[in-house]
PDB file of N, CA and C in Angstrom:
ATOM      1  N   UNK A   1     119.845 122.581  21.073  1.00  0.00           N
ATOM      2  CA  UNK A   1     119.326 122.287  22.368  1.00  0.00           C
ATOM      3  C   UNK A   1     118.721 123.544  22.972  1.00  0.00           C
ATOM      4  N   UNK A   2     117.582 123.393  23.470  1.00  0.00           N
ATOM      5  CA  UNK A   2     116.911 124.529  24.099  1.00  0.00           C
ATOM      6  C   UNK A   2     116.900 124.317  25.610  1.00  0.00           C
ATOM      7  N   UNK A   3     116.920 125.432  26.302  1.00  0.00           N
ATOM      8  CA  UNK A   3     116.883 125.328  27.766  1.00  0.00           C
ATOM      9  C   UNK A   3     115.442 125.198  28.212  1.00  0.00           C
ATOM     10  N   UNK A   4     115.191 124.334  29.135  1.00  0.00           N
ATOM     11  CA  UNK A   4     113.813 124.157  29.587  1.00  0.00           C
ATOM     12  C   UNK A   4     113.364 125.360  30.420  1.00  0.00           C
ATOM     13  N   UNK A   5     112.117 125.641  30.342  1.00  0.00           N
ATOM     14  CA  UNK A   5     111.544 126.736  31.123  1.00  0.00           C
ATOM     15  C   UNK A   5     111.503 126.313  32.592  1.00  0.00           C
ATOM     16  N   UNK A   6     111.902 127.225  33.517  1.00  0.00           N
ATOM     17  CA  UNK A   6     111.869 126.851  34.928  1.00  0.00           C
ATOM     18  C   UNK A   6     110.422 126.734  35.402  1.00  0.00           C
ATOM     19  N   UNK A   7     110.219 125.823  36.287  1.00  0.00           N
ATOM     20  CA  UNK A   7     108.876 125.633  36.828  1.00  0.00           C
ATOM     21  C   UNK A   7     108.559 126.767  37.799  1.00  0.00           C
ATOM     22  N   UNK A   8     107.286 127.030  38.035  1.00  0.00           N
ATOM     23  CA  UNK A   8     106.923 128.128  38.935  1.00  0.00           C
ATOM     24  C   UNK A   8     107.503 127.975  40.341  1.00  0.00           C
ATOM     25  N   UNK A   9     107.639 126.792  40.846  1.00  0.00           N
ATOM     26  CA  UNK A   9     108.190 126.622  42.198  1.00  0.00           C
ATOM     27  C   UNK A   9     109.664 127.013  42.241  1.00  0.00           C
ATOM     28  N   UNK A  10     110.406 126.736  41.153  1.00  0.00           N
ATOM     29  CA  UNK A  10     111.816 127.124  41.091  1.00  0.00           C
ATOM     30  C   UNK A  10     111.922 128.643  41.039  1.00  0.00           C
ATOM     31  N   UNK A  11     111.062 129.276  40.277  1.00  0.00           N
ATOM     32  CA  UNK A  11     111.079 130.742  40.178  1.00  0.00           C
ATOM     33  C   UNK A  11     110.783 131.358  41.538  1.00  0.00           C
ATOM     34  N   UNK A  12     109.802 130.810  42.227  1.00  0.00           N
ATOM     35  CA  UNK A  12     109.447 131.322  43.554  1.00  0.00           C
ATOM     36  C   UNK A  12     110.607 131.127  44.519  1.00  0.00           C
ATOM     37  N   UNK A  13     111.237 129.980  44.464  1.00  0.00           N
ATOM     38  CA  UNK A  13     112.360 129.689  45.359  1.00  0.00           C
ATOM     39  C   UNK A  13     113.541 130.610  45.069  1.00  0.00           C
ATOM     40  N   UNK A  14     113.823 130.830  43.776  1.00  0.00           N
ATOM     41  CA  UNK A  14     114.909 131.742  43.415  1.00  0.00           C
ATOM     42  C   UNK A  14     114.612 133.168  43.886  1.00  0.00           C
ATOM     43  N   UNK A  15     113.378 133.587  43.781  1.00  0.00           N
ATOM     44  CA  UNK A  15     113.004 134.919  44.242  1.00  0.00           C
ATOM     45  C   UNK A  15     113.147 135.018  45.760  1.00  0.00           C
ATOM     46  N   UNK A  16     112.814 133.956  46.467  1.00  0.00           N
ATOM     47  CA  UNK A  16     112.966 133.960  47.924  1.00  0.00           C
ATOM     48  C   UNK A  16     114.447 134.026  48.320  1.00  0.00           C
ATOM     49  N   UNK A  17     115.274 133.288  47.605  1.00  0.00           N
ATOM     50  CA  UNK A  17     116.721 133.327  47.858  1.00  0.00           C
ATOM     51  C   UNK A  17     117.270 134.720  47.569  1.00  0.00           C
ATOM     52  N   UNK A  18     116.804 135.313  46.473  1.00  0.00           N
ATOM     53  CA  UNK A  18     117.241 136.669  46.115  1.00  0.00           C
ATOM     54  C   UNK A  18     116.863 137.666  47.206  1.00  0.00           C
ATOM     55  N   UNK A  19     115.648 137.542  47.725  1.00  0.00           N
ATOM     56  CA  UNK A  19     115.212 138.420  48.810  1.00  0.00           C
ATOM     57  C   UNK A  19     116.052 138.227  50.063  1.00  0.00           C
ATOM     58  N   UNK A  20     116.390 136.986  50.373  1.00  0.00           N
ATOM     59  CA  UNK A  20     117.229 136.701  51.540  1.00  0.00           C
ATOM     60  C   UNK A  20     118.622 137.300  51.367  1.00  0.00           C
ATOM     61  N   UNK A  21     119.167 137.171  50.161  1.00  0.00           N
ATOM     62  CA  UNK A  21     120.488 137.751  49.899  1.00  0.00           C
ATOM     63  C   UNK A  21     120.462 139.267  50.017  1.00  0.00           C
ATOM     64  N   UNK A  22     119.434 139.903  49.487  1.00  0.00           N
ATOM     65  CA  UNK A  22     119.333 141.363  49.575  1.00  0.00           C
ATOM     66  C   UNK A  22     119.217 141.809  51.030  1.00  0.00           C
ATOM     67  N   UNK A  23     118.428 141.077  51.815  1.00  0.00           N
ATOM     68  CA  UNK A  23     118.298 141.417  53.233  1.00  0.00           C
ATOM     69  C   UNK A  23     119.632 141.231  53.957  1.00  0.00           C
ATOM     70  N   UNK A  24     120.322 140.163  53.636  1.00  0.00           N
ATOM     71  CA  UNK A  24     121.635 139.919  54.250  1.00  0.00           C
ATOM     72  C   UNK A  24     122.641 140.996  53.886  1.00  0.00           C
ATOM     73  N   UNK A  25     122.670 141.382  52.614  1.00  0.00           N
ATOM     74  CA  UNK A  25     123.580 142.443  52.190  1.00  0.00           C
ATOM     75  C   UNK A  25     123.227 143.769  52.849  1.00  0.00           C
ATOM     76  N   UNK A  26     121.952 144.039  53.028  1.00  0.00           N
ATOM     77  CA  UNK A  26     121.534 145.271  53.700  1.00  0.00           C
ATOM     78  C   UNK A  26     122.015 145.271  55.153  1.00  0.00           C
ATOM     79  N   UNK A  27     121.915 144.119  55.820  1.00  0.00           N
ATOM     80  CA  UNK A  27     122.410 144.019  57.201  1.00  0.00           C
ATOM     81  C   UNK A  27     123.915 144.223  57.264  1.00  0.00           C
ATOM     82  N   UNK A  28     124.628 143.608  56.332  1.00  0.00           N
ATOM     83  CA  UNK A  28     126.083 143.745  56.301  1.00  0.00           C
ATOM     84  C   UNK A  28     126.461 145.187  56.017  1.00  0.00           C
ATOM     85  N   UNK A  29     125.789 145.829  55.082  1.00  0.00           N
ATOM     86  CA  UNK A  29     126.067 147.237  54.792  1.00  0.00           C
ATOM     87  C   UNK A  29     125.817 148.108  56.011  1.00  0.00           C
ATOM     88  N   UNK A  30     124.731 147.843  56.730  1.00  0.00           N
ATOM     89  CA  UNK A  30     124.440 148.598  57.942  1.00  0.00           C
ATOM     90  C   UNK A  30     125.506 148.397  59.002  1.00  0.00           C
ATOM     91  N   UNK A  31     125.949 147.169  59.159  1.00  0.00           N
ATOM     92  CA  UNK A  31     126.999 146.879  60.138  1.00  0.00           C
ATOM     93  C   UNK A  31     128.305 147.559  59.764  1.00  0.00           C
ATOM     94  N   UNK A  32     128.637 147.530  58.480  1.00  0.00           N
ATOM     95  CA  UNK A  32     129.859 148.191  58.032  1.00  0.00           C
ATOM     96  C   UNK A  32     129.782 149.697  58.233  1.00  0.00           C
ATOM     97  N   UNK A  33     128.623 150.280  57.974  1.00  0.00           N
ATOM     98  CA  UNK A  33     128.460 151.719  58.190  1.00  0.00           C
ATOM     99  C   UNK A  33     128.623 152.055  59.668  1.00  0.00           C
ATOM    100  N   UNK A  34     128.082 151.217  60.540  1.00  0.00           N
ATOM    101  CA  UNK A  34     128.218 151.438  61.975  1.00  0.00           C
ATOM    102  C   UNK A  34     129.674 151.320  62.403  1.00  0.00           C
ATOM    103  N   UNK A  35     130.368 150.316  61.899  1.00  0.00           N
ATOM    104  CA  UNK A  35     131.783 150.159  62.223  1.00  0.00           C
ATOM    105  C   UNK A  35     132.603 151.341  61.725  1.00  0.00           C
ATOM    106  N   UNK A  36     132.272 151.832  60.547  1.00  0.00           N
ATOM    107  CA  UNK A  36     132.973 152.992  60.005  1.00  0.00           C
ATOM    108  C   UNK A  36     132.751 154.217  60.884  1.00  0.00           C
ATOM    109  N   UNK A  37     131.521 154.409  61.328  1.00  0.00           N
ATOM    110  CA  UNK A  37     131.202 155.543  62.196  1.00  0.00           C
ATOM    111  C   UNK A  37     131.953 155.422  63.522  1.00  0.00           C
ATOM    112  N   UNK A  38     131.964 154.235  64.097  1.00  0.00           N
ATOM    113  CA  UNK A  38     132.688 154.039  65.349  1.00  0.00           C
ATOM    114  C   UNK A  38     134.189 154.255  65.165  1.00  0.00           C
ATOM    115  N   UNK A  39     134.717 153.837  64.030  1.00  0.00           N
ATOM    116  CA  UNK A  39     136.136 154.074  63.745  1.00  0.00           C
ATOM    117  C   UNK A  39     136.441 155.556  63.659  1.00  0.00           C
ATOM    118  N   UNK A  40     135.557 156.316  63.019  1.00  0.00           N
ATOM    119  CA  UNK A  40     135.749 157.765  62.944  1.00  0.00           C
ATOM    120  C   UNK A  40     135.700 158.391  64.327  1.00  0.00           C
ATOM    121  N   UNK A  41     134.763 157.951  65.165  1.00  0.00           N
ATOM    122  CA  UNK A  41     134.671 158.483  66.523  1.00  0.00           C
ATOM    123  C   UNK A  41     135.923 158.132  67.327  1.00  0.00           C
ATOM    124  N   UNK A  42     136.441 156.937  67.140  1.00  0.00           N
ATOM    125  CA  UNK A  42     137.655 156.534  67.836  1.00  0.00           C
ATOM    126  C   UNK A  42     138.840 157.375  67.371  1.00  0.00           C
ATOM    127  N   UNK A  43     138.919 157.644  66.074  1.00  0.00           N
ATOM    128  CA  UNK A  43     139.992 158.494  65.563  1.00  0.00           C
ATOM    129  C   UNK A  43     139.914 159.895  66.168  1.00  0.00           C
ATOM    130  N   UNK A  44     138.709 160.439  66.283  1.00  0.00           N
ATOM    131  CA  UNK A  44     138.553 161.768  66.883  1.00  0.00           C
ATOM    132  C   UNK A  44     138.984 161.760  68.346  1.00  0.00           C
ATOM    133  N   UNK A  45     138.610 160.706  69.077  1.00  0.00           N
ATOM    134  CA  UNK A  45     139.012 160.612  70.479  1.00  0.00           C
ATOM    135  C   UNK A  45     140.529 160.495  70.601  1.00  0.00           C
ATOM    136  N   UNK A  46     141.146 159.697  69.742  1.00  0.00           N
ATOM    137  CA  UNK A  46     142.599 159.563  69.777  1.00  0.00           C
ATOM    138  C   UNK A  46     143.287 160.887  69.481  1.00  0.00           C
ATOM    139  N   UNK A  47     142.785 161.628  68.498  1.00  0.00           N
ATOM    140  CA  UNK A  47     143.356 162.934  68.191  1.00  0.00           C
ATOM    141  C   UNK A  47     143.230 163.878  69.377  1.00  0.00           C
ATOM    142  N   UNK A  48     142.058 163.841  70.036  1.00  0.00           N
ATOM    143  CA  UNK A  48     141.851 164.688  71.210  1.00  0.00           C
ATOM    144  C   UNK A  48     142.820 164.308  72.328  1.00  0.00           C
ATOM    145  N   UNK A  49     142.991 163.011  72.560  1.00  0.00           N
ATOM    146  CA  UNK A  49     143.913 162.569  73.605  1.00  0.00           C
ATOM    147  C   UNK A  49     145.356 162.946  73.265  1.00  0.00           C
ATOM    148  N   UNK A  50     145.718 162.841  72.010  1.00  0.00           N
ATOM    149  CA  UNK A  50     147.071 163.233  71.600  1.00  0.00           C
ATOM    150  C   UNK A  50     147.315 164.711  71.858  1.00  0.00           C
ATOM    151  N   UNK A  51     146.327 165.557  71.509  1.00  0.00           N
ATOM    152  CA  UNK A  51     146.479 166.989  71.748  1.00  0.00           C
ATOM    153  C   UNK A  51     146.607 167.287  73.241  1.00  0.00           C
ATOM    154  N   UNK A  52     145.778 166.616  74.044  1.00  0.00           N
ATOM    155  CA  UNK A  52     145.829 166.843  75.481  1.00  0.00           C
ATOM    156  C   UNK A  52     147.154 166.365  76.074  1.00  0.00           C
ATOM    157  N   UNK A  53     147.647 165.229  75.604  1.00  0.00           N
ATOM    158  CA  UNK A  53     148.919 164.709  76.088  1.00  0.00           C
ATOM    159  C   UNK A  53     150.070 165.632  75.693  1.00  0.00           C
ATOM    160  N   UNK A  54     150.043 166.140  74.477  1.00  0.00           N
ATOM    161  CA  UNK A  54     151.067 167.084  74.044  1.00  0.00           C
ATOM    162  C   UNK A  54     151.048 168.342  74.906  1.00  0.00           C
ATOM    163  N   UNK A  55     149.858 168.832  75.236  1.00  0.00           N
ATOM    164  CA  UNK A  55     149.751 170.022  76.086  1.00  0.00           C
ATOM    165  C   UNK A  55     150.318 169.736  77.477  1.00  0.00           C
ATOM    166  N   UNK A  56     150.034 168.556  78.015  1.00  0.00           N
ATOM    167  CA  UNK A  56     150.592 168.197  79.324  1.00  0.00           C
ATOM    168  C   UNK A  56     152.110 168.088  79.281  1.00  0.00           C
ATOM    169  N   UNK A  57     152.618 167.503  78.219  1.00  0.00           N
ATOM    170  CA  UNK A  57     154.074 167.368  78.101  1.00  0.00           C
ATOM    171  C   UNK A  57     154.749 168.729  77.953  1.00  0.00           C
ATOM    172  N   UNK A  58     154.134 169.639  77.215  1.00  0.00           N
ATOM    173  CA  UNK A  58     154.710 170.978  77.070  1.00  0.00           C
ATOM    174  C   UNK A  58     154.686 171.717  78.398  1.00  0.00           C
ATOM    175  N   UNK A  59     153.634 171.529  79.185  1.00  0.00           N
ATOM    176  CA  UNK A  59     153.538 172.206  80.468  1.00  0.00           C
ATOM    177  C   UNK A  59     154.425 171.591  81.536  1.00  0.00           C
ATOM    178  N   UNK A  60     154.910 170.410  81.316  1.00  0.00           N
ATOM    179  CA  UNK A  60     155.706 169.695  82.308  1.00  0.00           C
ATOM    180  C   UNK A  60     157.196 169.985  82.204  1.00  0.00           C
ATOM    181  N   UNK A  61     157.688 170.471  81.091  1.00  0.00           N
ATOM    182  CA  UNK A  61     159.136 170.591  80.908  1.00  0.00           C
ATOM    183  C   UNK A  61     159.820 171.480  81.924  1.00  0.00           C
ATOM    184  N   UNK A  62     159.210 172.540  82.501  1.00  0.00           N
ATOM    185  CA  UNK A  62     159.956 173.362  83.458  1.00  0.00           C
ATOM    186  C   UNK A  62     160.205 172.664  84.802  1.00  0.00           C
ATOM    187  N   UNK A  63     159.476 171.633  85.141  1.00  0.00           N
ATOM    188  CA  UNK A  63     159.643 170.999  86.450  1.00  0.00           C
ATOM    189  C   UNK A  63     161.058 170.468  86.686  1.00  0.00           C
ATOM    190  N   UNK A  64     161.652 169.713  85.779  1.00  0.00           N
ATOM    191  CA  UNK A  64     163.031 169.273  86.025  1.00  0.00           C
ATOM    192  C   UNK A  64     164.010 170.453  86.088  1.00  0.00           C
ATOM    193  N   UNK A  65     163.771 171.484  85.293  1.00  0.00           N
ATOM    194  CA  UNK A  65     164.644 172.658  85.321  1.00  0.00           C
ATOM    195  C   UNK A  65     164.534 173.373  86.650  1.00  0.00           C
ATOM    196  N   UNK A  66     163.318 173.511  87.151  1.00  0.00           N
ATOM    197  CA  UNK A  66     163.118 174.159  88.447  1.00  0.00           C
ATOM    198  C   UNK A  66     163.770 173.339  89.552  1.00  0.00           C
ATOM    199  N   UNK A  67     163.660 172.020  89.484  1.00  0.00           N
ATOM    200  CA  UNK A  67     164.291 171.150  90.481  1.00  0.00           C
ATOM    201  C   UNK A  67     165.810 171.298  90.437  1.00  0.00           C
ATOM    202  N   UNK A  68     166.383 171.365  89.241  1.00  0.00           N
ATOM    203  CA  UNK A  68     167.836 171.532  89.120  1.00  0.00           C
ATOM    204  C   UNK A  68     168.272 172.886  89.661  1.00  0.00           C
ATOM    205  N   UNK A  69     167.538 173.942  89.348  1.00  0.00           N
ATOM    206  CA  UNK A  69     167.897 175.267  89.858  1.00  0.00           C
ATOM    207  C   UNK A  69     167.771 175.331  91.377  1.00  0.00           C
ATOM    208  N   UNK A  70     166.755 174.704  91.922  1.00  0.00           N
ATOM    209  CA  UNK A  70     166.576 174.687  93.370  1.00  0.00           C
ATOM    210  C   UNK A  70     167.723 173.943  94.053  1.00  0.00           C
ATOM    211  N   UNK A  71     168.118 172.825  93.479  1.00  0.00           N
ATOM    212  CA  UNK A  71     169.227 172.073  94.073  1.00  0.00           C
ATOM    213  C   UNK A  71     170.530 172.851  93.961  1.00  0.00           C
ATOM    214  N   UNK A  72     170.756 173.537  92.855  1.00  0.00           N
ATOM    215  CA  UNK A  72     171.960 174.369  92.724  1.00  0.00           C
ATOM    216  C   UNK A  72     171.948 175.509  93.729  1.00  0.00           C
ATOM    217  N   UNK A  73     170.774 176.114  93.932  1.00  0.00           N
ATOM    218  CA  UNK A  73     170.677 177.187  94.917  1.00  0.00           C
ATOM    219  C   UNK A  73     170.950 176.650  96.321  1.00  0.00           C
ATOM    220  N   UNK A  74     170.444 175.464  96.641  1.00  0.00           N
ATOM    221  CA  UNK A  74     170.699 174.874  97.958  1.00  0.00           C
ATOM    222  C   UNK A  74     172.174 174.564  98.142  1.00  0.00           C
ATOM    223  N   UNK A  75     172.818 174.054  97.104  1.00  0.00           N
ATOM    224  CA  UNK A  75     174.261 173.788  97.178  1.00  0.00           C
ATOM    225  C   UNK A  75     175.026 175.087  97.361  1.00  0.00           C
ATOM    226  N   UNK A  76     174.623 176.113  96.632  1.00  0.00           N
ATOM    227  CA  UNK A  76     175.292 177.414  96.758  1.00  0.00           C
ATOM    228  C   UNK A  76     175.135 178.004  98.145  1.00  0.00           C
ATOM    229  N   UNK A  77     173.946 177.923  98.703  1.00  0.00           N
ATOM    230  CA  UNK A  77     173.716 178.449 100.049  1.00  0.00           C
ATOM    231  C   UNK A  77     174.498 177.612 101.078  1.00  0.00           C
ATOM    232  N   UNK A  78     174.547 176.329 100.878  1.00  0.00           N
ATOM    233  CA  UNK A  78     175.324 175.461 101.775  1.00  0.00           C
ATOM    234  C   UNK A  78     176.804 175.784 101.729  1.00  0.00           C
ATOM    235  N   UNK A  79     177.338 175.958 100.545  1.00  0.00           N
ATOM    236  CA  UNK A  79     178.751 176.326 100.405  1.00  0.00           C
ATOM    237  C   UNK A  79     179.034 177.702 101.017  1.00  0.00           C
ATOM    238  N   UNK A  80     178.119 178.638 100.822  1.00  0.00           N
ATOM    239  CA  UNK A  80     178.275 179.983 101.376  1.00  0.00           C
ATOM    240  C   UNK A  80     178.333 179.931 102.908  1.00  0.00           C
ATOM    241  N   UNK A  81     177.422 179.133 103.508  1.00  0.00           N
ATOM    242  CA  UNK A  81     177.420 179.008 104.961  1.00  0.00           C
ATOM    243  C   UNK A  81     178.683 178.292 105.449  1.00  0.00           C
ATOM    244  N   UNK A  82     179.146 177.302 104.686  1.00  0.00           N
ATOM    245  CA  UNK A  82     180.369 176.577 105.068  1.00  0.00           C
ATOM    246  C   UNK A  82     181.565 177.501 105.013  1.00  0.00           C
ATOM    247  N   UNK A  83     181.653 178.328 103.988  1.00  0.00           N
ATOM    248  CA  UNK A  83     182.790 179.242 103.822  1.00  0.00           C
ATOM    249  C   UNK A  83     182.692 180.384 104.837  1.00  0.00           C
ATOM    250  N   UNK A  84     181.515 180.845 105.156  1.00  0.00           N
ATOM    251  CA  UNK A  84     181.318 181.964 106.053  1.00  0.00           C
ATOM    252  C   UNK A  84     181.717 181.615 107.485  1.00  0.00           C
ATOM    253  N   UNK A  85     181.664 180.376 107.891  1.00  0.00           N
ATOM    254  CA  UNK A  85     182.035 180.010 109.270  1.00  0.00           C
ATOM    255  C   UNK A  85     183.468 179.908 109.363  1.00  0.00           C
TER     256      UNK A  85
END
């Protein structure tokens, strides 16, 4: 059994379908590249925010200590005045 030769209209139609598929794949590849780029930019922003948040947290730790020392000093001064009278 031999395979019949495709007619010219079938060949033209197959070529048109092939062109449509290539164009579609090119669009999908472009979209994926854009999504990848945006993901990289988002990762960079997240890293930057993490660094900034860590810096804020490191700079914040003395505040509770200062508040505790201030309250202890106020208690000490209050006790001193109470005992002195």
